Amino acid sequence: MSVSQKLIDNHRELFEKATHHMLPKELCAGTLPDKVLFVYLAQDLQFFQSGLRLLTKTTSLAPDSDSLVTLAKKIGFFANDENDYFYKCLAEVSDSLSSSDGEHFRTNKLPQVERYIDYLEKCARNETSYAKLITFVYCMELVYLEWPIYFPKADNLHWKHQTWIDLHAGSHFETWCDFLRAEVDKCDYNEVSEVFEKVLKLEYEFFEACYQY
C-alpha cells in the first residue's frame, strides 16, 4: 500500500470529517450563507499569506530539480490567481456583515485559525524535514481536492462559489495533487503520519469555526 493511501486509511474518520464538512457541502450547493463565506475567506486570507511561507520553505528543501521547479511554479500561481479571488469575493459579500464586524474578521484570527497558523508558521520557521513539509502541503490540498468529487455541484453557481471550486478542481489542480501524492509516497510513513493527522484536525476545526462567530 502506498504511503498516501495508508495515511488516509489510518486516519479515515478524521479525513472524512474534514473533507465532508458542511462548509464545502453548502459551497458546492450554492447555499453557503454570505456571512459564513466572508468569515471563511477573511480568515483564509490570513492563513494563505502564512501558507506561502510554508510552501517557500518546502521548495527550498526540494530534493531534486523537478520537484524544485514544480513547487516554484505553484508559488507563482498562488500569488496571482488565488490571491486575486480573495479580495474580489470579500468585496462581493461585504454587505453581509456590518463594517465593524467585517473589519474584525479581516484583521483578527478566530482561536481555531490562530492555532492552525501558529503551527504552520512554526513549521515554516523550524522544520527541516522535506518529508514532513511536503506532507503538510499535500494534506491541505487533498482536503480541497475532495470537495467537487464528493459533493454534487449545483448548476449555474454564482461566481463567488464557482470560482473557488474551479481553483481546486480540474486538471491543473489534479496534476498538482498528483505531484504532491507522488512526493509523499517517497516518504517514510512513520515520519509523516503525525503531521498528516494534525493538519486534518486543524482543517476541520477551521471549517467549524466559521459557523461559530
C-alpha atoms as a PDB file:
ATOM      1  CA  MET A   1       0.000   0.000   0.000  1.00  0.00           C
ATOM      2  CA  SER A   2       1.265   3.490  -0.839  1.00  0.00           C
ATOM      3  CA  VAL A   3       2.163   5.898   1.943  1.00  0.00           C
ATOM      4  CA  SER A   4      -0.508   8.374   0.808  1.00  0.00           C
ATOM      5  CA  GLN A   5      -3.249   5.742   0.882  1.00  0.00           C
ATOM      6  CA  LYS A   6      -2.093   4.422   4.234  1.00  0.00           C
ATOM      7  CA  LEU A   7      -2.292   7.945   5.652  1.00  0.00           C
ATOM      8  CA  ILE A   8      -5.902   8.264   4.532  1.00  0.00           C
ATOM      9  CA  ASP A   9      -6.913   4.771   5.636  1.00  0.00           C
ATOM     10  CA  ASN A  10      -5.342   5.080   9.072  1.00  0.00           C
ATOM     11  CA  HIS A  11      -6.971   8.459   9.685  1.00  0.00           C
ATOM     12  CA  ARG A  12     -10.217   7.743   7.861  1.00  0.00           C
ATOM     13  CA  GLU A  13     -12.659   9.143  10.432  1.00  0.00           C
ATOM     14  CA  LEU A  14     -10.826  12.454  10.735  1.00  0.00           C
ATOM     15  CA  PHE A  15     -10.268  12.605   6.972  1.00  0.00           C
ATOM     16  CA  GLU A  16     -13.994  12.340   6.309  1.00  0.00           C
ATOM     17  CA  LYS A  17     -14.864  14.907   8.987  1.00  0.00           C
ATOM     18  CA  ALA A  18     -12.558  17.411   7.315  1.00  0.00           C
ATOM     19  CA  THR A  19     -13.382  16.697   3.670  1.00  0.00           C
ATOM     20  CA  HIS A  20     -17.137  16.151   4.079  1.00  0.00           C
ATOM     21  CA  HIS A  21     -17.854  19.165   6.257  1.00  0.00           C
ATOM     22  CA  MET A  22     -20.964  21.318   5.989  1.00  0.00           C
ATOM     23  CA  LEU A  23     -18.983  24.286   4.668  1.00  0.00           C
ATOM     24  CA  PRO A  24     -17.833  22.654   1.399  1.00  0.00           C
ATOM     25  CA  LYS A  25     -21.213  20.929   1.085  1.00  0.00           C
ATOM     26  CA  GLU A  26     -23.058  24.263   1.169  1.00  0.00           C
ATOM     27  CA  LEU A  27     -20.489  25.932  -1.046  1.00  0.00           C
ATOM     28  CA  CYS A  28     -20.910  23.286  -3.760  1.00  0.00           C
ATOM     29  CA  ALA A  29     -24.680  23.558  -3.444  1.00  0.00           C
ATOM     30  CA  GLY A  30     -24.596  27.352  -3.686  1.00  0.00           C
ATOM     31  CA  THR A  31     -26.330  27.681  -0.304  1.00  0.00           C
ATOM     32  CA  LEU A  32     -23.396  28.826   1.818  1.00  0.00           C
ATOM     33  CA  PRO A  33     -24.530  31.992   3.642  1.00  0.00           C
ATOM     34  CA  ASP A  34     -22.605  35.083   2.634  1.00  0.00           C
ATOM     35  CA  LYS A  35     -21.725  35.743   6.275  1.00  0.00           C
ATOM     36  CA  VAL A  36     -20.060  32.362   6.593  1.00  0.00           C
ATOM     37  CA  LEU A  37     -18.312  32.812   3.250  1.00  0.00           C
ATOM     38  CA  PHE A  38     -16.995  36.208   4.347  1.00  0.00           C
ATOM     39  CA  VAL A  39     -15.676  34.858   7.649  1.00  0.00           C
ATOM     40  CA  TYR A  40     -14.120  31.863   5.919  1.00  0.00           C
ATOM     41  CA  LEU A  41     -12.381  33.941   3.244  1.00  0.00           C
ATOM     42  CA  ALA A  42     -11.266  36.699   5.635  1.00  0.00           C
ATOM     43  CA  GLN A  43      -9.707  34.063   7.870  1.00  0.00           C
ATOM     44  CA  ASP A  44      -8.330  32.038   4.980  1.00  0.00           C
ATOM     45  CA  LEU A  45      -6.658  35.111   3.525  1.00  0.00           C
ATOM     46  CA  GLN A  46      -4.677  35.491   6.739  1.00  0.00           C
ATOM     47  CA  PHE A  47      -3.864  31.794   6.584  1.00  0.00           C
ATOM     48  CA  PHE A  48      -3.000  31.997   2.894  1.00  0.00           C
ATOM     49  CA  GLN A  49      -0.249  34.526   3.411  1.00  0.00           C
ATOM     50  CA  SER A  50       1.419  32.314   6.019  1.00  0.00           C
ATOM     51  CA  GLY A  51       0.875  29.306   3.766  1.00  0.00           C
ATOM     52  CA  LEU A  52       3.075  30.878   1.128  1.00  0.00           C
ATOM     53  CA  ARG A  53       5.902  30.914   3.655  1.00  0.00           C
ATOM     54  CA  LEU A  54       5.433  27.207   4.288  1.00  0.00           C
ATOM     55  CA  LEU A  55       5.432  26.437   0.571  1.00  0.00           C
ATOM     56  CA  THR A  56       8.529  28.573   0.077  1.00  0.00           C
ATOM     57  CA  LYS A  57      10.328  26.673   2.851  1.00  0.00           C
ATOM     58  CA  THR A  58       9.237  23.371   1.337  1.00  0.00           C
ATOM     59  CA  THR A  59      10.521  24.486  -2.058  1.00  0.00           C
ATOM     60  CA  SER A  60      13.896  25.408  -0.595  1.00  0.00           C
ATOM     61  CA  LEU A  61      14.292  21.817   0.650  1.00  0.00           C
ATOM     62  CA  ALA A  62      13.210  20.129  -2.589  1.00  0.00           C
ATOM     63  CA  PRO A  63      15.421  17.062  -3.162  1.00  0.00           C
ATOM     64  CA  ASP A  64      15.741  17.376  -6.949  1.00  0.00           C
ATOM     65  CA  SER A  65      15.364  19.912  -9.746  1.00  0.00           C
ATOM     66  CA  ASP A  66      11.992  18.608 -10.995  1.00  0.00           C
ATOM     67  CA  SER A  67      10.419  18.997  -7.560  1.00  0.00           C
ATOM     68  CA  LEU A  68      12.041  22.397  -7.122  1.00  0.00           C
ATOM     69  CA  VAL A  69      10.635  23.779 -10.384  1.00  0.00           C
ATOM     70  CA  THR A  70       7.145  22.328  -9.832  1.00  0.00           C
ATOM     71  CA  LEU A  71       6.909  23.848  -6.363  1.00  0.00           C
ATOM     72  CA  ALA A  72       8.307  27.189  -7.503  1.00  0.00           C
ATOM     73  CA  LYS A  73       5.751  27.440 -10.305  1.00  0.00           C
ATOM     74  CA  LYS A  74       2.941  26.815  -7.838  1.00  0.00           C
ATOM     75  CA  ILE A  75       4.084  29.681  -5.638  1.00  0.00           C
ATOM     76  CA  GLY A  76       3.569  31.984  -8.632  1.00  0.00           C
ATOM     77  CA  PHE A  77       0.059  30.643  -9.234  1.00  0.00           C
ATOM     78  CA  PHE A  78      -0.976  31.165  -5.624  1.00  0.00           C
ATOM     79  CA  ALA A  79       0.413  34.692  -5.588  1.00  0.00           C
ATOM     80  CA  ASN A  80      -1.694  35.645  -8.623  1.00  0.00           C
ATOM     81  CA  ASP A  81      -4.925  33.734  -9.376  1.00  0.00           C
ATOM     82  CA  GLU A  82      -5.893  32.676  -5.865  1.00  0.00           C
ATOM     83  CA  ASN A  83      -4.811  35.894  -4.195  1.00  0.00           C
ATOM     84  CA  ASP A  84      -6.982  37.952  -6.571  1.00  0.00           C
ATOM     85  CA  TYR A  85     -10.071  35.855  -5.798  1.00  0.00           C
ATOM     86  CA  PHE A  86      -9.905  36.604  -2.075  1.00  0.00           C
ATOM     87  CA  TYR A  87     -10.139  40.363  -2.499  1.00  0.00           C
ATOM     88  CA  LYS A  88     -12.761  40.260  -5.235  1.00  0.00           C
ATOM     89  CA  CYS A  89     -15.054  37.902  -3.330  1.00  0.00           C
ATOM     90  CA  LEU A  90     -14.682  39.634   0.014  1.00  0.00           C
ATOM     91  CA  ALA A  91     -15.826  42.843  -1.670  1.00  0.00           C
ATOM     92  CA  GLU A  92     -18.781  40.972  -3.223  1.00  0.00           C
ATOM     93  CA  VAL A  93     -20.130  39.669   0.110  1.00  0.00           C
ATOM     94  CA  SER A  94     -19.035  42.526   2.385  1.00  0.00           C
ATOM     95  CA  ASP A  95     -22.631  43.732   2.863  1.00  0.00           C
ATOM     96  CA  SER A  96     -23.434  40.504   4.738  1.00  0.00           C
ATOM     97  CA  LEU A  97     -21.796  41.945   7.866  1.00  0.00           C
ATOM     98  CA  SER A  98     -21.543  45.345   9.466  1.00  0.00           C
ATOM     99  CA  SER A  99     -18.411  47.263   8.550  1.00  0.00           C
ATOM    100  CA  SER A 100     -17.041  46.813  12.090  1.00  0.00           C
ATOM    101  CA  ASP A 101     -17.635  43.049  12.037  1.00  0.00           C
ATOM    102  CA  GLY A 102     -16.112  42.793   8.596  1.00  0.00           C
ATOM    103  CA  GLU A 103     -13.006  44.660   9.714  1.00  0.00           C
ATOM    104  CA  HIS A 104     -12.789  42.459  12.803  1.00  0.00           C
ATOM    105  CA  PHE A 105     -12.675  39.230  10.801  1.00  0.00           C
ATOM    106  CA  ARG A 106     -10.223  40.707   8.300  1.00  0.00           C
ATOM    107  CA  THR A 107      -7.734  41.730  10.971  1.00  0.00           C
ATOM    108  CA  ASN A 108      -8.285  39.247  13.812  1.00  0.00           C
ATOM    109  CA  LYS A 109      -7.967  35.482  13.845  1.00  0.00           C
ATOM    110  CA  LEU A 110     -10.516  33.098  15.269  1.00  0.00           C
ATOM    111  CA  PRO A 111      -8.896  30.964  18.006  1.00  0.00           C
ATOM    112  CA  GLN A 112      -9.020  27.806  15.879  1.00  0.00           C
ATOM    113  CA  VAL A 113      -7.487  29.605  12.923  1.00  0.00           C
ATOM    114  CA  GLU A 114      -4.809  31.168  15.102  1.00  0.00           C
ATOM    115  CA  ARG A 115      -3.808  27.708  16.344  1.00  0.00           C
ATOM    116  CA  TYR A 116      -3.538  26.499  12.762  1.00  0.00           C
ATOM    117  CA  ILE A 117      -1.477  29.492  11.639  1.00  0.00           C
ATOM    118  CA  ASP A 118       0.788  29.198  14.676  1.00  0.00           C
ATOM    119  CA  TYR A 119       1.507  25.576  13.788  1.00  0.00           C
ATOM    120  CA  LEU A 120       2.026  26.441  10.137  1.00  0.00           C
ATOM    121  CA  GLU A 121       4.432  29.285  10.899  1.00  0.00           C
ATOM    122  CA  LYS A 122       6.326  27.162  13.412  1.00  0.00           C
ATOM    123  CA  CYS A 123       6.860  24.536  10.722  1.00  0.00           C
ATOM    124  CA  ALA A 124       7.879  27.184   8.191  1.00  0.00           C
ATOM    125  CA  ARG A 125      10.473  28.561  10.611  1.00  0.00           C
ATOM    126  CA  ASN A 126      11.858  25.440  12.234  1.00  0.00           C
ATOM    127  CA  GLU A 127      11.052  22.282  10.296  1.00  0.00           C
ATOM    128  CA  THR A 128      13.923  20.910   8.211  1.00  0.00           C
ATOM    129  CA  SER A 129      12.282  17.687   7.045  1.00  0.00           C
ATOM    130  CA  TYR A 130      11.145  17.900   3.423  1.00  0.00           C
ATOM    131  CA  ALA A 131       9.030  14.803   4.047  1.00  0.00           C
ATOM    132  CA  LYS A 132       7.036  16.468   6.820  1.00  0.00           C
ATOM    133  CA  LEU A 133       6.630  19.736   4.956  1.00  0.00           C
ATOM    134  CA  ILE A 134       5.512  18.156   1.683  1.00  0.00           C
ATOM    135  CA  THR A 135       3.039  16.019   3.637  1.00  0.00           C
ATOM    136  CA  PHE A 136       1.710  19.186   5.288  1.00  0.00           C
ATOM    137  CA  VAL A 137       1.132  20.753   1.859  1.00  0.00           C
ATOM    138  CA  TYR A 138      -0.363  17.538   0.457  1.00  0.00           C
ATOM    139  CA  CYS A 139      -2.856  17.198   3.305  1.00  0.00           C
ATOM    140  CA  MET A 140      -4.039  20.806   2.952  1.00  0.00           C
ATOM    141  CA  GLU A 141      -4.612  20.391  -0.775  1.00  0.00           C
ATOM    142  CA  LEU A 142      -6.124  16.906  -0.512  1.00  0.00           C
ATOM    143  CA  VAL A 143      -8.926  18.262   1.673  1.00  0.00           C
ATOM    144  CA  TYR A 144      -9.906  20.665  -1.114  1.00  0.00           C
ATOM    145  CA  LEU A 145      -9.489  18.099  -3.876  1.00  0.00           C
ATOM    146  CA  GLU A 146     -12.249  16.041  -2.268  1.00  0.00           C
ATOM    147  CA  TRP A 147     -14.902  18.764  -2.388  1.00  0.00           C
ATOM    148  CA  PRO A 148     -16.036  18.625  -6.020  1.00  0.00           C
ATOM    149  CA  ILE A 149     -15.517  14.857  -6.062  1.00  0.00           C
ATOM    150  CA  TYR A 150     -17.673  14.051  -3.043  1.00  0.00           C
ATOM    151  CA  PHE A 151     -20.359  16.747  -3.157  1.00  0.00           C
ATOM    152  CA  PRO A 152     -22.694  17.246  -6.113  1.00  0.00           C
ATOM    153  CA  LYS A 153     -22.206  20.691  -7.623  1.00  0.00           C
ATOM    154  CA  ALA A 154     -25.302  22.752  -8.333  1.00  0.00           C
ATOM    155  CA  ASP A 155     -25.897  24.147 -11.809  1.00  0.00           C
ATOM    156  CA  ASN A 156     -25.347  27.841 -12.535  1.00  0.00           C
ATOM    157  CA  LEU A 157     -23.473  28.606  -9.334  1.00  0.00           C
ATOM    158  CA  HIS A 158     -22.698  32.232  -8.552  1.00  0.00           C
ATOM    159  CA  TRP A 159     -19.090  33.061  -9.432  1.00  0.00           C
ATOM    160  CA  LYS A 160     -18.275  33.554  -5.754  1.00  0.00           C
ATOM    161  CA  HIS A 161     -18.833  29.808  -5.282  1.00  0.00           C
ATOM    162  CA  GLN A 162     -17.869  28.550  -8.739  1.00  0.00           C
ATOM    163  CA  THR A 163     -14.505  30.305  -8.889  1.00  0.00           C
ATOM    164  CA  TRP A 164     -13.385  28.859  -5.551  1.00  0.00           C
ATOM    165  CA  ILE A 165     -14.356  25.394  -6.778  1.00  0.00           C
ATOM    166  CA  ASP A 166     -12.562  25.971 -10.090  1.00  0.00           C
ATOM    167  CA  LEU A 167      -9.381  26.891  -8.243  1.00  0.00           C
ATOM    168  CA  HIS A 168      -9.489  23.480  -6.565  1.00  0.00           C
ATOM    169  CA  ALA A 169     -10.808  21.280  -9.360  1.00  0.00           C
ATOM    170  CA  GLY A 170      -9.937  20.292 -12.901  1.00  0.00           C
ATOM    171  CA  SER A 171      -6.755  19.035 -14.479  1.00  0.00           C
ATOM    172  CA  HIS A 172      -4.490  21.816 -13.151  1.00  0.00           C
ATOM    173  CA  PHE A 173      -5.348  21.068  -9.522  1.00  0.00           C
ATOM    174  CA  GLU A 174      -5.444  17.309 -10.002  1.00  0.00           C
ATOM    175  CA  THR A 175      -1.976  17.420 -11.578  1.00  0.00           C
ATOM    176  CA  TRP A 176      -0.698  19.442  -8.621  1.00  0.00           C
ATOM    177  CA  CYS A 177      -2.178  16.974  -6.124  1.00  0.00           C
ATOM    178  CA  ASP A 178      -0.802  14.025  -8.106  1.00  0.00           C
ATOM    179  CA  PHE A 179       2.652  15.564  -7.806  1.00  0.00           C
ATOM    180  CA  LEU A 180       2.247  16.035  -4.051  1.00  0.00           C
ATOM    181  CA  ARG A 181       0.944  12.498  -3.651  1.00  0.00           C
ATOM    182  CA  ALA A 182       3.929  11.086  -5.512  1.00  0.00           C
ATOM    183  CA  GLU A 183       6.283  13.085  -3.285  1.00  0.00           C
ATOM    184  CA  VAL A 184       4.551  11.791  -0.141  1.00  0.00           C
ATOM    185  CA  ASP A 185       4.752   8.232  -1.432  1.00  0.00           C
ATOM    186  CA  LYS A 186       8.552   8.550  -1.315  1.00  0.00           C
ATOM    187  CA  CYS A 187       8.402   9.356   2.407  1.00  0.00           C
ATOM    188  CA  ASP A 188       8.516   7.128   5.453  1.00  0.00           C
ATOM    189  CA  TYR A 189       5.025   6.668   6.868  1.00  0.00           C
ATOM    190  CA  ASN A 190       6.147   6.849  10.488  1.00  0.00           C
ATOM    191  CA  GLU A 191       7.881  10.158   9.860  1.00  0.00           C
ATOM    192  CA  VAL A 192       4.866  11.909   8.326  1.00  0.00           C
ATOM    193  CA  SER A 193       1.788  10.329   9.925  1.00  0.00           C
ATOM    194  CA  GLU A 194       1.634  12.749  12.852  1.00  0.00           C
ATOM    195  CA  VAL A 195       1.810  15.790  10.563  1.00  0.00           C
ATOM    196  CA  PHE A 196      -0.972  14.421   8.343  1.00  0.00           C
ATOM    197  CA  GLU A 197      -3.231  13.800  11.325  1.00  0.00           C
ATOM    198  CA  LYS A 198      -2.504  17.212  12.843  1.00  0.00           C
ATOM    199  CA  VAL A 199      -3.294  19.082   9.635  1.00  0.00           C
ATOM    200  CA  LEU A 200      -6.558  17.174   9.130  1.00  0.00           C
ATOM    201  CA  LYS A 201      -7.648  18.108  12.638  1.00  0.00           C
ATOM    202  CA  LEU A 202      -6.757  21.761  12.131  1.00  0.00           C
ATOM    203  CA  GLU A 203      -8.576  21.900   8.774  1.00  0.00           C
ATOM    204  CA  TYR A 204     -11.724  20.511  10.378  1.00  0.00           C
ATOM    205  CA  GLU A 205     -11.536  22.988  13.255  1.00  0.00           C
ATOM    206  CA  PHE A 206     -11.076  25.861  10.788  1.00  0.00           C
ATOM    207  CA  PHE A 207     -14.305  24.955   8.970  1.00  0.00           C
ATOM    208  CA  GLU A 208     -16.182  24.540  12.248  1.00  0.00           C
ATOM    209  CA  ALA A 209     -15.015  27.929  13.494  1.00  0.00           C
ATOM    210  CA  CYS A 210     -16.564  29.774  10.562  1.00  0.00           C
ATOM    211  CA  TYR A 211     -20.045  28.876  11.848  1.00  0.00           C
ATOM    212  CA  GLN A 212     -19.376  29.781  15.473  1.00  0.00           C
ATOM    213  CA  TYR A 213     -18.788  33.528  15.411  1.00  0.00           C
END
